[in-house]
Amino acid sequence: MTTPDVWKKSSYSGGGEGNACVEVAPRRTRIAVRDSKAPSHGTLTVPAPSFAAFVNALKRPGGLL
């Protein structure tokens, strides 16, 4: 039996109604990512260590943002 994903919206949602962001859901070994405006349009999953490296790169001074 599988459990449903528990989605969490990004804390950085941009302006307006706050719907210009992504949602993430942890799975056993992967992280699921989807568009908060169109959650039924598909999900991208990536290995958890790769997602952690991506987030850490965003947080670094001069990072990706």
N, C-alpha and C. Protein backbone atom coordinates (compact mmCIF):
# COMPACT_ATOMS: atom_id res chain seq x y z
N MET A 1 0.84 -1.18 0.00
CA MET A 1 0.00 0.00 0.00
C MET A 1 0.88 1.24 0.00
N THR A 2 0.57 2.19 -0.84
CA THR A 2 1.33 3.44 -0.86
C THR A 2 0.55 4.52 -0.14
N THR A 3 1.27 5.45 0.44
CA THR A 3 0.62 6.57 1.12
C THR A 3 0.59 7.75 0.16
N PRO A 4 -0.41 8.61 0.29
CA PRO A 4 -0.47 9.77 -0.60
C PRO A 4 0.66 10.75 -0.31
N ASP A 5 1.06 11.47 -1.35
CA ASP A 5 2.10 12.49 -1.17
C ASP A 5 1.55 13.63 -0.32
N VAL A 6 2.42 14.18 0.51
CA VAL A 6 2.09 15.36 1.30
C VAL A 6 2.86 16.51 0.66
N TRP A 7 2.14 17.39 -0.03
CA TRP A 7 2.75 18.47 -0.79
C TRP A 7 2.94 19.69 0.08
N LYS A 8 4.08 20.36 -0.11
CA LYS A 8 4.38 21.60 0.61
C LYS A 8 4.72 22.67 -0.42
N LYS A 9 4.05 23.81 -0.32
CA LYS A 9 4.28 24.91 -1.25
C LYS A 9 5.53 25.67 -0.84
N SER A 10 6.26 26.13 -1.83
CA SER A 10 7.45 26.93 -1.59
C SER A 10 7.11 28.15 -0.74
N SER A 11 8.02 28.53 0.13
CA SER A 11 7.80 29.73 0.94
C SER A 11 8.05 31.00 0.13
N TYR A 12 8.69 30.86 -1.03
CA TYR A 12 8.91 32.00 -1.92
C TYR A 12 7.96 31.84 -3.08
N SER A 13 6.81 32.48 -2.98
CA SER A 13 5.76 32.28 -3.97
C SER A 13 5.56 33.45 -4.90
N GLY A 14 6.41 34.45 -4.84
CA GLY A 14 6.25 35.59 -5.71
C GLY A 14 5.11 36.48 -5.29
N GLY A 15 4.72 37.40 -6.15
CA GLY A 15 3.65 38.35 -5.82
C GLY A 15 2.28 37.81 -6.15
N GLY A 16 1.32 38.69 -6.13
CA GLY A 16 -0.05 38.32 -6.47
C GLY A 16 -0.67 37.39 -5.44
N GLU A 17 -1.28 36.34 -5.92
CA GLU A 17 -1.96 35.40 -5.04
C GLU A 17 -1.03 34.33 -4.48
N GLY A 18 0.24 34.44 -4.75
CA GLY A 18 1.19 33.45 -4.24
C GLY A 18 1.15 32.12 -4.95
N ASN A 19 0.71 32.12 -6.21
CA ASN A 19 0.61 30.84 -6.91
C ASN A 19 1.69 30.66 -7.98
N ALA A 20 2.71 31.49 -7.97
CA ALA A 20 3.79 31.39 -8.94
C ALA A 20 4.95 30.61 -8.32
N CYS A 21 4.70 29.36 -7.98
CA CYS A 21 5.75 28.60 -7.31
C CYS A 21 5.59 27.12 -7.59
N VAL A 22 6.40 26.35 -6.94
CA VAL A 22 6.33 24.91 -7.04
C VAL A 22 5.95 24.33 -5.69
N GLU A 23 5.54 23.08 -5.73
CA GLU A 23 5.27 22.32 -4.52
C GLU A 23 6.19 21.10 -4.54
N VAL A 24 6.60 20.67 -3.38
CA VAL A 24 7.46 19.49 -3.27
C VAL A 24 6.85 18.50 -2.29
N ALA A 25 7.14 17.24 -2.52
CA ALA A 25 6.68 16.18 -1.64
C ALA A 25 7.80 15.16 -1.49
N PRO A 26 8.21 14.89 -0.26
CA PRO A 26 9.24 13.88 -0.07
C PRO A 26 8.67 12.48 -0.26
N ARG A 27 9.44 11.66 -0.93
CA ARG A 27 9.12 10.23 -1.06
C ARG A 27 10.26 9.48 -0.41
N ARG A 28 10.26 8.19 -0.50
CA ARG A 28 11.26 7.39 0.22
C ARG A 28 12.69 7.75 -0.19
N THR A 29 12.98 7.78 -1.47
CA THR A 29 14.35 8.06 -1.94
C THR A 29 14.40 9.21 -2.93
N ARG A 30 13.27 9.80 -3.23
CA ARG A 30 13.20 10.85 -4.24
C ARG A 30 12.38 12.02 -3.72
N ILE A 31 12.46 13.14 -4.40
CA ILE A 31 11.65 14.31 -4.10
C ILE A 31 10.77 14.56 -5.33
N ALA A 32 9.48 14.70 -5.11
CA ALA A 32 8.55 14.99 -6.19
C ALA A 32 8.34 16.50 -6.25
N VAL A 33 8.28 17.04 -7.47
CA VAL A 33 8.11 18.48 -7.69
C VAL A 33 6.99 18.66 -8.70
N ARG A 34 6.10 19.64 -8.44
CA ARG A 34 5.04 19.94 -9.38
C ARG A 34 4.73 21.44 -9.39
N ASP A 35 4.08 21.89 -10.42
CA ASP A 35 3.66 23.28 -10.56
C ASP A 35 2.41 23.49 -9.71
N SER A 36 2.44 24.47 -8.81
CA SER A 36 1.29 24.68 -7.93
C SER A 36 0.06 25.18 -8.68
N LYS A 37 0.26 25.79 -9.85
CA LYS A 37 -0.87 26.28 -10.64
C LYS A 37 -1.56 25.16 -11.41
N ALA A 38 -0.84 24.09 -11.68
CA ALA A 38 -1.38 22.99 -12.48
C ALA A 38 -0.91 21.65 -11.91
N PRO A 39 -1.33 21.31 -10.71
CA PRO A 39 -0.81 20.11 -10.06
C PRO A 39 -1.14 18.81 -10.78
N SER A 40 -2.18 18.80 -11.58
CA SER A 40 -2.53 17.56 -12.27
C SER A 40 -1.79 17.38 -13.60
N HIS A 41 -0.96 18.35 -13.98
CA HIS A 41 -0.27 18.28 -15.26
C HIS A 41 0.99 17.43 -15.24
N GLY A 42 1.38 16.93 -14.12
CA GLY A 42 2.54 16.07 -14.08
C GLY A 42 3.45 16.38 -12.91
N THR A 43 4.32 15.44 -12.63
CA THR A 43 5.23 15.53 -11.51
C THR A 43 6.62 15.12 -11.97
N LEU A 44 7.60 15.87 -11.54
CA LEU A 44 9.00 15.54 -11.78
C LEU A 44 9.54 14.96 -10.49
N THR A 45 10.26 13.85 -10.56
CA THR A 45 10.90 13.31 -9.37
C THR A 45 12.40 13.27 -9.60
N VAL A 46 13.14 13.60 -8.55
CA VAL A 46 14.60 13.60 -8.61
C VAL A 46 15.14 12.91 -7.36
N PRO A 47 16.32 12.33 -7.44
CA PRO A 47 16.91 11.72 -6.24
C PRO A 47 17.05 12.77 -5.13
N ALA A 48 16.77 12.36 -3.91
CA ALA A 48 16.82 13.29 -2.78
C ALA A 48 18.17 13.99 -2.65
N PRO A 49 19.31 13.30 -2.80
CA PRO A 49 20.60 14.01 -2.69
C PRO A 49 20.79 15.08 -3.76
N SER A 50 20.30 14.82 -4.97
CA SER A 50 20.41 15.81 -6.04
C SER A 50 19.55 17.03 -5.75
N PHE A 51 18.37 16.82 -5.20
CA PHE A 51 17.50 17.94 -4.86
C PHE A 51 18.13 18.76 -3.73
N ALA A 52 18.72 18.10 -2.75
CA ALA A 52 19.38 18.81 -1.65
C ALA A 52 20.54 19.65 -2.18
N ALA A 53 21.32 19.11 -3.11
CA ALA A 53 22.43 19.87 -3.69
C ALA A 53 21.91 21.09 -4.45
N PHE A 54 20.81 20.94 -5.17
CA PHE A 54 20.20 22.04 -5.90
C PHE A 54 19.75 23.15 -4.96
N VAL A 55 19.05 22.78 -3.90
CA VAL A 55 18.58 23.77 -2.92
C VAL A 55 19.76 24.47 -2.26
N ASN A 56 20.79 23.73 -1.90
CA ASN A 56 21.97 24.34 -1.28
C ASN A 56 22.66 25.32 -2.24
N ALA A 57 22.69 24.99 -3.53
CA ALA A 57 23.28 25.90 -4.51
C ALA A 57 22.47 27.19 -4.60
N LEU A 58 21.15 27.11 -4.47
CA LEU A 58 20.31 28.29 -4.49
C LEU A 58 20.57 29.19 -3.29
N LYS A 59 20.88 28.60 -2.17
CA LYS A 59 21.07 29.35 -0.92
C LYS A 59 22.43 30.02 -0.84
N ARG A 60 23.41 29.52 -1.57
CA ARG A 60 24.75 30.10 -1.52
C ARG A 60 24.78 31.52 -2.04
N PRO A 61 25.61 32.39 -1.45
CA PRO A 61 25.79 33.73 -2.02
C PRO A 61 26.23 33.62 -3.47
N GLY A 62 25.57 34.36 -4.32
CA GLY A 62 25.89 34.29 -5.75
C GLY A 62 25.39 33.01 -6.39
N GLY A 63 24.46 32.32 -5.69
CA GLY A 63 23.92 31.07 -6.20
C GLY A 63 23.13 31.25 -7.48
N LEU A 64 22.26 30.35 -7.75
CA LEU A 64 21.53 30.34 -9.00
C LEU A 64 20.51 31.45 -9.13
N LEU A 65 20.13 32.08 -8.04
CA LEU A 65 19.10 33.13 -8.12
C LEU A 65 19.71 34.50 -8.20
